[in-house]
C-alpha atoms as a PDB file:
ATOM      1  CA  UNK A   1      98.273  31.396  41.678  1.00  0.00           C
ATOM      2  CA  UNK A   2      95.675  32.335  38.843  1.00  0.00           C
ATOM      3  CA  UNK A   3      97.960  31.203  36.138  1.00  0.00           C
ATOM      4  CA  UNK A   4      98.357  27.548  37.352  1.00  0.00           C
ATOM      5  CA  UNK A   5      94.375  27.232  37.647  1.00  0.00           C
ATOM      6  CA  UNK A   6      94.131  28.921  34.173  1.00  0.00           C
ATOM      7  CA  UNK A   7      96.878  26.033  32.830  1.00  0.00           C
ATOM      8  CA  UNK A   8      95.329  22.991  34.577  1.00  0.00           C
ATOM      9  CA  UNK A   9      92.159  24.333  32.989  1.00  0.00           C
ATOM     10  CA  UNK A  10      93.674  24.533  29.770  1.00  0.00           C
ATOM     11  CA  UNK A  11      95.490  20.892  30.504  1.00  0.00           C
ATOM     12  CA  UNK A  12      92.145  19.406  31.345  1.00  0.00           C
ATOM     13  CA  UNK A  13      90.210  20.942  28.390  1.00  0.00           C
ATOM     14  CA  UNK A  14      92.461  19.172  25.878  1.00  0.00           C
ATOM     15  CA  UNK A  15      92.422  16.081  27.770  1.00  0.00           C
ATOM     16  CA  UNK A  16      88.874  16.047  27.199  1.00  0.00           C
ATOM     17  CA  UNK A  17      88.657  17.262  23.580  1.00  0.00           C
ATOM     18  CA  UNK A  18      91.351  14.442  22.804  1.00  0.00           C
ATOM     19  CA  UNK A  19      89.085  11.837  24.582  1.00  0.00           C
ATOM     20  CA  UNK A  20      86.305  12.703  22.454  1.00  0.00           C
ATOM     21  CA  UNK A  21      88.307  12.930  19.420  1.00  0.00           C
ATOM     22  CA  UNK A  22      89.544   9.662  19.277  1.00  0.00           C
ATOM     23  CA  UNK A  23      86.276   7.890  20.573  1.00  0.00           C
ATOM     24  CA  UNK A  24      85.539   7.577  16.671  1.00  0.00           C
ATOM     25  CA  UNK A  25      88.332   4.639  16.908  1.00  0.00           C
ATOM     26  CA  UNK A  26      86.394   2.449  19.521  1.00  0.00           C
ATOM     27  CA  UNK A  27      85.216  -0.672  18.439  1.00  0.00           C
ATOM     28  CA  UNK A  28      86.524  -3.603  16.817  1.00  0.00           C
ATOM     29  CA  UNK A  29      88.578  -3.145  13.324  1.00  0.00           C
ATOM     30  CA  UNK A  30      89.613  -6.202  10.601  1.00  0.00           C
ATOM     31  CA  UNK A  31      92.899  -6.232   8.831  1.00  0.00           C
ATOM     32  CA  UNK A  32      93.629  -8.951   5.865  1.00  0.00           C
ATOM     33  CA  UNK A  33      97.212  -9.725   5.636  1.00  0.00           C
ATOM     34  CA  UNK A  34      98.994 -11.949   3.068  1.00  0.00           C
ATOM     35  CA  UNK A  35     102.321 -13.296   3.943  1.00  0.00           C
ATOM     36  CA  UNK A  36     104.027 -16.225   1.952  1.00  0.00           C
ATOM     37  CA  UNK A  37     101.121 -16.686  -0.146  1.00  0.00           C
ATOM     38  CA  UNK A  38      98.699 -17.089   3.047  1.00  0.00           C
ATOM     39  CA  UNK A  39      96.063 -14.701   3.656  1.00  0.00           C
ATOM     40  CA  UNK A  40      94.626 -14.209   6.899  1.00  0.00           C
ATOM     41  CA  UNK A  41      93.000 -11.511   9.014  1.00  0.00           C
ATOM     42  CA  UNK A  42      93.388 -10.055  12.307  1.00  0.00           C
ATOM     43  CA  UNK A  43      90.547  -8.540  14.226  1.00  0.00           C
ATOM     44  CA  UNK A  44      91.478  -5.688  16.692  1.00  0.00           C
ATOM     45  CA  UNK A  45      89.899  -3.764  19.334  1.00  0.00           C
ATOM     46  CA  UNK A  46      90.384   0.069  20.559  1.00  0.00           C
ATOM     47  CA  UNK A  47      89.400   0.319  24.233  1.00  0.00           C
ATOM     48  CA  UNK A  48      90.028   2.699  27.109  1.00  0.00           C
ATOM     49  CA  UNK A  49      92.824   1.086  29.532  1.00  0.00           C
ATOM     50  CA  UNK A  50      93.192   3.110  32.540  1.00  0.00           C
ATOM     51  CA  UNK A  51      92.055   6.277  30.557  1.00  0.00           C
ATOM     52  CA  UNK A  52      94.338   5.798  27.581  1.00  0.00           C
ATOM     53  CA  UNK A  53      93.170   4.837  24.172  1.00  0.00           C
ATOM     54  CA  UNK A  54      95.052   1.539  23.309  1.00  0.00           C
ATOM     55  CA  UNK A  55      94.665  -0.955  20.520  1.00  0.00           C
ATOM     56  CA  UNK A  56      95.096  -4.863  21.477  1.00  0.00           C
ATOM     57  CA  UNK A  57      94.613  -7.758  18.739  1.00  0.00           C
ATOM     58  CA  UNK A  58      92.370  -9.894  20.046  1.00  0.00           C
ATOM     59  CA  UNK A  59      92.101 -13.083  17.433  1.00  0.00           C
ATOM     60  CA  UNK A  60      93.575 -13.938  14.020  1.00  0.00           C
ATOM     61  CA  UNK A  61      91.586 -15.880  11.239  1.00  0.00           C
ATOM     62  CA  UNK A  62      93.426 -18.281   9.462  1.00  0.00           C
ATOM     63  CA  UNK A  63      91.149 -20.357   6.662  1.00  0.00           C
ATOM     64  CA  UNK A  64      88.004 -19.520   8.352  1.00  0.00           C
ATOM     65  CA  UNK A  65      89.873 -20.861  11.741  1.00  0.00           C
ATOM     66  CA  UNK A  66      89.674 -18.589  14.478  1.00  0.00           C
ATOM     67  CA  UNK A  67      92.323 -18.512  17.160  1.00  0.00           C
ATOM     68  CA  UNK A  68      93.048 -16.165  20.217  1.00  0.00           C
ATOM     69  CA  UNK A  69      95.596 -13.743  19.775  1.00  0.00           C
ATOM     70  CA  UNK A  70      95.636 -11.357  22.290  1.00  0.00           C
ATOM     71  CA  UNK A  71      98.391  -8.686  22.596  1.00  0.00           C
ATOM     72  CA  UNK A  72      99.041  -4.951  22.823  1.00  0.00           C
ATOM     73  CA  UNK A  73      98.853  -3.661  18.850  1.00  0.00           C
ATOM     74  CA  UNK A  74      98.846   0.103  19.739  1.00  0.00           C
ATOM     75  CA  UNK A  75      99.697   2.570  22.503  1.00  0.00           C
ATOM     76  CA  UNK A  76     100.391   6.309  23.212  1.00  0.00           C
ATOM     77  CA  UNK A  77      97.941   7.315  20.629  1.00  0.00           C
ATOM     78  CA  UNK A  78      97.754  10.644  19.894  1.00  0.00           C
ATOM     79  CA  UNK A  79      94.309  11.315  17.130  1.00  0.00           C
ATOM     80  CA  UNK A  80      92.512  14.253  16.520  1.00  0.00           C
ATOM     81  CA  UNK A  81      89.239  12.782  15.127  1.00  0.00           C
ATOM     82  CA  UNK A  82      90.532  12.121  11.348  1.00  0.00           C
ATOM     83  CA  UNK A  83      94.667  11.749  11.768  1.00  0.00           C
ATOM     84  CA  UNK A  84      96.998  10.522  14.268  1.00  0.00           C
ATOM     85  CA  UNK A  85     100.218   8.564  15.599  1.00  0.00           C
ATOM     86  CA  UNK A  86     100.909   5.754  17.830  1.00  0.00           C
ATOM     87  CA  UNK A  87     103.067   3.296  18.705  1.00  0.00           C
ATOM     88  CA  UNK A  88     102.380   0.217  16.748  1.00  0.00           C
ATOM     89  CA  UNK A  89     103.574  -3.216  18.736  1.00  0.00           C
ATOM     90  CA  UNK A  90     103.891  -6.241  16.394  1.00  0.00           C
ATOM     91  CA  UNK A  91     105.163  -9.926  17.602  1.00  0.00           C
ATOM     92  CA  UNK A  92     107.617 -11.939  14.663  1.00  0.00           C
ATOM     93  CA  UNK A  93     109.603 -14.808  15.909  1.00  0.00           C
ATOM     94  CA  UNK A  94     108.785 -14.428  19.089  1.00  0.00           C
ATOM     95  CA  UNK A  95     110.078 -11.009  19.605  1.00  0.00           C
ATOM     96  CA  UNK A  96     108.190  -7.668  20.095  1.00  0.00           C
ATOM     97  CA  UNK A  97     108.727  -4.641  17.419  1.00  0.00           C
ATOM     98  CA  UNK A  98     107.568  -1.202  18.038  1.00  0.00           C
ATOM     99  CA  UNK A  99     107.339   1.360  15.034  1.00  0.00           C
ATOM    100  CA  UNK A 100     105.799   4.671  14.764  1.00  0.00           C
ATOM    101  CA  UNK A 101     102.804   4.528  12.736  1.00  0.00           C
ATOM    102  CA  UNK A 102     100.621   7.307  11.226  1.00  0.00           C
ATOM    103  CA  UNK A 103      96.569   7.017  11.449  1.00  0.00           C
ATOM    104  CA  UNK A 104      94.242   8.196   8.990  1.00  0.00           C
ATOM    105  CA  UNK A 105      90.624   7.869   9.122  1.00  0.00           C
ATOM    106  CA  UNK A 106      89.242   7.890   5.904  1.00  0.00           C
ATOM    107  CA  UNK A 107      85.342   7.640   6.434  1.00  0.00           C
ATOM    108  CA  UNK A 108      84.030   6.234  10.122  1.00  0.00           C
ATOM    109  CA  UNK A 109      84.580   2.493   8.829  1.00  0.00           C
ATOM    110  CA  UNK A 110      88.075   2.823   7.067  1.00  0.00           C
ATOM    111  CA  UNK A 111      91.284   3.451   8.818  1.00  0.00           C
ATOM    112  CA  UNK A 112      94.598   3.623   6.886  1.00  0.00           C
ATOM    113  CA  UNK A 113      97.911   3.083   8.842  1.00  0.00           C
ATOM    114  CA  UNK A 114     100.980   3.751   7.293  1.00  0.00           C
ATOM    115  CA  UNK A 115     104.630   3.273   8.879  1.00  0.00           C
ATOM    116  CA  UNK A 116     108.494   3.360   8.085  1.00  0.00           C
ATOM    117  CA  UNK A 117     110.911   0.692   9.835  1.00  0.00           C
ATOM    118  CA  UNK A 118     114.501   0.147   9.148  1.00  0.00           C
ATOM    119  CA  UNK A 119     113.981   0.856   5.431  1.00  0.00           C
ATOM    120  CA  UNK A 120     110.701  -1.459   5.248  1.00  0.00           C
ATOM    121  CA  UNK A 121     107.781   0.810   4.304  1.00  0.00           C
ATOM    122  CA  UNK A 122     104.211  -0.380   5.140  1.00  0.00           C
ATOM    123  CA  UNK A 123     100.356   0.558   4.643  1.00  0.00           C
ATOM    124  CA  UNK A 124      97.665  -1.206   6.217  1.00  0.00           C
ATOM    125  CA  UNK A 125      93.812  -0.995   5.802  1.00  0.00           C
ATOM    126  CA  UNK A 126      91.471  -1.695   8.644  1.00  0.00           C
ATOM    127  CA  UNK A 127      87.938  -2.078   8.263  1.00  0.00           C
ATOM    128  CA  UNK A 128      85.384  -1.447  11.388  1.00  0.00           C
ATOM    129  CA  UNK A 129      83.616  -4.315  12.287  1.00  0.00           C
ATOM    130  CA  UNK A 130      79.657  -4.008  12.282  1.00  0.00           C
ATOM    131  CA  UNK A 131      77.800  -5.168  15.378  1.00  0.00           C
ATOM    132  CA  UNK A 132      76.135  -7.929  13.492  1.00  0.00           C
ATOM    133  CA  UNK A 133      79.504  -9.408  12.090  1.00  0.00           C
ATOM    134  CA  UNK A 134      81.440  -9.472  15.353  1.00  0.00           C
ATOM    135  CA  UNK A 135      81.283 -12.857  17.423  1.00  0.00           C
ATOM    136  CA  UNK A 136      82.898 -12.464  20.408  1.00  0.00           C
END
């Protein structure tokens, strides 16, 4: 019985520690993309959903026009405060794709994502949006 209690305390401690470490990701982030000679940005938001950290795309900006673009972008996020992994989901041609991605917080305002999917490797840089620049 004592070993079960110790195990439960250790698991609870690990869960609380992980929650504190991944809090640095909470908030809104912006990523810029270029595809077919068109530049656009996606605004993402890391937030807690039933206790688990998740990331959602919330809108897309193309040529200074903003449109709602709400969908799950990342789940199963494991983050130690500097580095981590997540399932990164994106939609293309009305089809959802998920891939494992590595996360690296370069500084408090710059998040790097690295992934490889079916022979395609990619890297993205996300910049934290400051509260003054966030339009809800």
